[in-house]
Amino acid sequence: MPSLLIADDHPLFRAALKQAARDALGEVELFEGDSLDAVLALLEARPQIDLVLLDLHMPGNHGLAGLAAVRAQYPGVAVIVVSANDDPRVVRRALDHGAAGYLPKSAGLDDLRDAIRTVLACDTWLPPLLRASVARAQSAPADAALASRLASLSPQQFRVLTLVADGLLNKQIADRLDIQERTVKAHLTAIFERLGVRNRTQASVILRELELTDPARRIEG
């Protein structure tokens, strides 16, 4: 039985995705998360999860950082990005950072079902109306390099990087991850080397480069 995690902070949209998953697959095990922390905790607790439907803009996730976190820490889990942002350049970036599919929130139920089936069959899915424009969107060299560097981090190193970007000190990171402070320092040394940076500030900037503007908030403003 396939196992899906629906990651979105809007209950009504989660309900629509759950129904689409049931329509597409029949027998399916479903989990829900309304923040990036909840998503990562569920992936840790439920290693059987096959696919995450991930909102780009939910608590704790401001763009592609959440996608990078899931791909770095749980590389065996497929991810379909679900977003109100249908800019072909953003879609291209999401694919470069490891998404197996990209689903605009304006998509119909048929697209939802097709995306889920396609990605679970180990193929990549894009909405028909976006395929040509995404194919024309060139991968940014900086993005490709960044994706490669982030992918070189171990799951624990990525967790440390995330906490550094949140402003935590080494002792706080050690307490949060239940490891020794010297282990944190060893991870930071490896992180700096693999990301090609010299200090914590530069490492934090790496994650901020993955942030995106939320179209919904832009409209509201």
Protein backbone atom coordinates (compact mmCIF):
# COMPACT_ATOMS: atom_id res chain seq x y z
CA MET A 1 0.00 0.00 0.00
CA PRO A 2 1.49 3.40 -0.97
CA SER A 3 2.08 5.86 1.86
CA LEU A 4 1.69 9.62 1.31
CA LEU A 5 2.41 12.65 3.48
CA ILE A 6 0.39 15.77 2.69
CA ALA A 7 2.26 18.86 3.86
CA ASP A 8 0.17 22.02 3.83
CA ASP A 9 -1.08 24.42 6.48
CA HIS A 10 -4.55 24.86 4.95
CA PRO A 11 -6.96 22.14 6.18
CA LEU A 12 -9.33 22.47 3.21
CA PHE A 13 -6.51 22.04 0.71
CA ARG A 14 -5.17 19.04 2.64
CA ALA A 15 -8.65 17.52 2.44
CA ALA A 16 -8.72 18.01 -1.34
CA LEU A 17 -5.30 16.39 -1.72
CA LYS A 18 -6.34 13.46 0.48
CA GLN A 19 -9.40 12.85 -1.68
CA ALA A 20 -7.34 13.07 -4.85
CA ALA A 21 -4.86 10.54 -3.43
CA ARG A 22 -7.66 8.13 -2.56
CA ASP A 23 -9.20 8.54 -6.02
CA ALA A 24 -5.83 7.95 -7.69
CA LEU A 25 -4.67 4.99 -5.65
CA GLY A 26 -7.62 3.44 -3.83
CA GLU A 27 -5.82 1.82 -0.93
CA VAL A 28 -3.42 4.41 0.44
CA GLU A 29 -1.95 5.30 3.83
CA LEU A 30 -2.19 9.05 4.46
CA PHE A 31 -0.41 11.35 6.90
CA GLU A 32 -0.72 15.12 7.33
CA GLY A 33 1.69 17.84 8.42
CA ASP A 34 0.97 21.56 8.78
CA SER A 35 4.57 22.78 9.25
CA LEU A 36 8.03 21.82 8.08
CA ASP A 37 8.94 20.62 11.57
CA ALA A 38 5.88 18.35 11.59
CA VAL A 39 6.80 17.00 8.14
CA LEU A 40 10.36 16.17 9.13
CA ALA A 41 9.18 14.56 12.38
CA LEU A 42 6.70 12.37 10.48
CA LEU A 43 9.34 11.31 7.97
CA GLU A 44 11.60 10.34 10.87
CA ALA A 45 8.84 8.38 12.61
CA ARG A 46 7.31 6.83 9.47
CA PRO A 47 10.09 5.50 7.22
CA GLN A 48 7.49 3.79 5.04
CA ILE A 49 6.34 7.11 3.51
CA ASP A 50 6.80 6.99 -0.27
CA LEU A 51 5.74 10.46 -1.36
CA VAL A 52 5.42 13.95 0.10
CA LEU A 53 3.10 16.58 -1.37
CA LEU A 54 4.96 19.65 -0.13
CA ASP A 55 3.66 23.21 0.03
CA LEU A 56 6.45 25.72 -0.62
CA HIS A 57 4.99 28.24 1.83
CA MET A 58 3.98 26.82 5.19
CA PRO A 59 5.23 27.48 8.75
CA GLY A 60 8.97 26.82 8.88
CA ASN A 61 9.30 26.66 5.10
CA HIS A 62 9.83 29.75 2.96
CA GLY A 63 10.56 28.49 -0.51
CA LEU A 64 12.89 25.72 -1.59
CA ALA A 65 14.63 25.23 1.77
CA GLY A 66 12.03 22.69 2.90
CA LEU A 67 12.42 20.74 -0.32
CA ALA A 68 16.20 20.76 0.14
CA ALA A 69 15.78 19.59 3.74
CA VAL A 70 13.54 16.66 2.80
CA ARG A 71 15.76 15.61 -0.09
CA ALA A 72 18.93 15.84 2.01
CA GLN A 73 17.59 14.06 5.08
CA TYR A 74 15.28 11.52 3.37
CA PRO A 75 16.65 10.97 -0.15
CA GLY A 76 14.52 7.88 -0.68
CA VAL A 77 11.26 9.85 -0.44
CA ALA A 78 9.82 11.39 -3.61
CA VAL A 79 8.52 14.96 -3.41
CA ILE A 80 5.85 16.73 -5.44
CA VAL A 81 5.98 20.47 -4.81
CA VAL A 82 2.53 22.01 -4.46
CA SER A 83 2.46 25.79 -4.83
CA ALA A 84 0.45 28.80 -5.95
CA ASN A 85 3.62 29.93 -7.73
CA ASP A 86 3.60 28.74 -11.35
CA ASP A 87 6.58 30.78 -12.57
CA PRO A 88 8.49 28.43 -14.93
CA ARG A 89 11.79 29.61 -13.41
CA VAL A 90 10.63 28.57 -9.94
CA VAL A 91 9.45 25.22 -11.29
CA ARG A 92 12.87 24.73 -12.92
CA ARG A 93 14.60 25.54 -9.62
CA ALA A 94 12.40 23.05 -7.75
CA LEU A 95 13.28 20.30 -10.23
CA ASP A 96 16.98 21.19 -9.95
CA HIS A 97 16.71 20.80 -6.17
CA GLY A 98 15.23 17.33 -6.41
CA ALA A 99 11.47 17.62 -6.84
CA ALA A 100 9.94 14.74 -8.79
CA GLY A 101 6.92 16.83 -9.75
CA TYR A 102 5.42 20.29 -9.53
CA LEU A 103 1.71 20.91 -9.05
CA PRO A 104 0.19 24.42 -9.14
CA LYS A 105 -2.58 24.90 -6.60
CA SER A 106 -4.82 25.96 -9.48
CA ALA A 107 -4.60 22.44 -10.97
CA GLY A 108 -7.72 20.34 -11.29
CA LEU A 109 -8.37 16.97 -9.67
CA ASP A 110 -7.40 15.10 -12.83
CA ASP A 111 -3.94 16.69 -12.69
CA LEU A 112 -3.67 15.87 -8.98
CA ARG A 113 -4.43 12.22 -9.60
CA ASP A 114 -2.14 12.03 -12.64
CA ALA A 115 0.75 13.64 -10.74
CA ILE A 116 0.48 11.20 -7.84
CA ARG A 117 0.30 8.13 -10.10
CA THR A 118 3.17 9.33 -12.31
CA VAL A 119 5.60 10.12 -9.51
CA LEU A 120 4.84 6.89 -7.65
CA ALA A 121 5.69 5.12 -10.92
CA CYS A 122 9.16 6.75 -10.64
CA ASP A 123 8.62 9.31 -13.37
CA THR A 124 8.64 13.12 -13.33
CA TRP A 125 5.39 15.06 -13.64
CA LEU A 126 4.64 18.61 -14.71
CA PRO A 127 1.26 20.13 -15.66
CA PRO A 128 0.74 20.05 -19.44
CA LEU A 129 0.39 23.84 -19.68
CA LEU A 130 3.78 24.40 -18.05
CA ARG A 131 5.89 21.74 -19.74
CA ALA A 132 7.00 23.80 -22.74
CA SER A 133 7.84 26.92 -20.72
CA VAL A 134 9.73 24.92 -18.07
CA ALA A 135 11.67 23.14 -20.81
CA ARG A 136 12.75 26.56 -22.12
CA ALA A 137 13.72 27.79 -18.63
CA GLN A 138 17.44 27.27 -18.25
CA SER A 139 18.86 25.90 -15.03
CA ALA A 140 20.83 28.65 -13.31
CA PRO A 141 24.46 27.54 -12.92
CA ALA A 142 24.47 28.86 -9.35
CA ASP A 143 21.35 26.85 -8.53
CA ALA A 144 22.76 23.65 -10.00
CA ALA A 145 25.97 24.11 -8.02
CA LEU A 146 24.05 24.90 -4.84
CA ALA A 147 21.85 21.82 -5.23
CA SER A 148 24.95 19.67 -5.69
CA ARG A 149 26.66 21.11 -2.62
CA LEU A 150 23.58 20.70 -0.42
CA ALA A 151 23.14 17.13 -1.66
CA SER A 152 26.69 16.38 -0.50
CA LEU A 153 25.70 16.99 3.13
CA SER A 154 24.67 14.10 5.35
CA PRO A 155 21.20 14.27 6.94
CA GLN A 156 22.71 15.25 10.29
CA GLN A 157 24.90 17.91 8.69
CA PHE A 158 21.86 19.41 7.01
CA ARG A 159 20.06 19.52 10.36
CA VAL A 160 23.03 21.35 11.85
CA LEU A 161 23.08 23.79 8.93
CA THR A 162 19.38 24.52 9.39
CA LEU A 163 19.86 25.26 13.09
CA VAL A 164 22.85 27.48 12.34
CA ALA A 165 20.66 29.43 9.91
CA ASP A 166 18.08 29.77 12.70
CA GLY A 167 20.73 31.48 14.81
CA LEU A 168 21.42 28.73 17.36
CA LEU A 169 24.82 28.48 19.04
CA ASN A 170 26.85 25.26 19.11
CA LYS A 171 25.70 24.32 22.61
CA GLN A 172 22.06 24.94 21.69
CA ILE A 173 22.45 22.82 18.56
CA ALA A 174 24.05 20.03 20.62
CA ASP A 175 21.16 20.11 23.08
CA ARG A 176 18.56 20.16 20.30
CA LEU A 177 20.10 17.18 18.49
CA ASP A 178 21.21 15.35 21.65
CA ILE A 179 24.84 15.19 20.57
CA GLN A 180 28.15 16.44 21.98
CA GLU A 181 29.24 20.02 21.30
CA ARG A 182 32.48 18.74 19.78
CA THR A 183 30.37 16.72 17.34
CA VAL A 184 28.61 19.92 16.29
CA LYS A 185 31.99 21.55 15.68
CA ALA A 186 33.09 18.57 13.58
CA HIS A 187 29.89 18.80 11.54
CA LEU A 188 30.42 22.53 11.01
CA THR A 189 33.94 21.95 9.74
CA ALA A 190 32.60 19.44 7.20
CA ILE A 191 29.69 21.73 6.27
CA PHE A 192 31.97 24.71 5.62
CA GLU A 193 34.26 22.57 3.46
CA ARG A 194 31.45 21.02 1.40
CA LEU A 195 29.59 24.29 0.89
CA GLY A 196 32.77 26.23 0.13
CA VAL A 197 32.19 28.82 2.86
CA ARG A 198 34.36 30.13 5.68
CA ASN A 199 31.95 30.83 8.54
CA ARG A 200 28.45 30.48 9.99
CA THR A 201 27.18 33.65 8.35
CA GLN A 202 28.12 32.49 4.88
CA ALA A 203 26.60 29.07 5.56
CA SER A 204 23.33 30.71 6.65
CA VAL A 205 23.23 32.75 3.45
CA ILE A 206 23.24 29.48 1.48
CA LEU A 207 19.81 28.57 2.87
CA ARG A 208 18.45 32.09 2.47
CA GLU A 209 19.19 31.81 -1.26
CA LEU A 210 16.42 29.19 -1.37
CA GLU A 211 13.74 31.53 -0.06
CA LEU A 212 10.91 32.56 -2.39
CA THR A 213 8.17 35.16 -2.20
CA ASP A 214 4.77 33.67 -1.35
CA PRO A 215 2.40 34.74 -4.20
CA ALA A 216 -0.59 34.65 -1.82
CA ARG A 217 1.08 37.11 0.57
CA ARG A 218 2.16 39.32 -2.32
CA ILE A 219 -1.46 39.55 -3.45
CA GLU A 220 -2.71 40.23 0.05
CA GLY A 221 -0.17 43.06 0.43
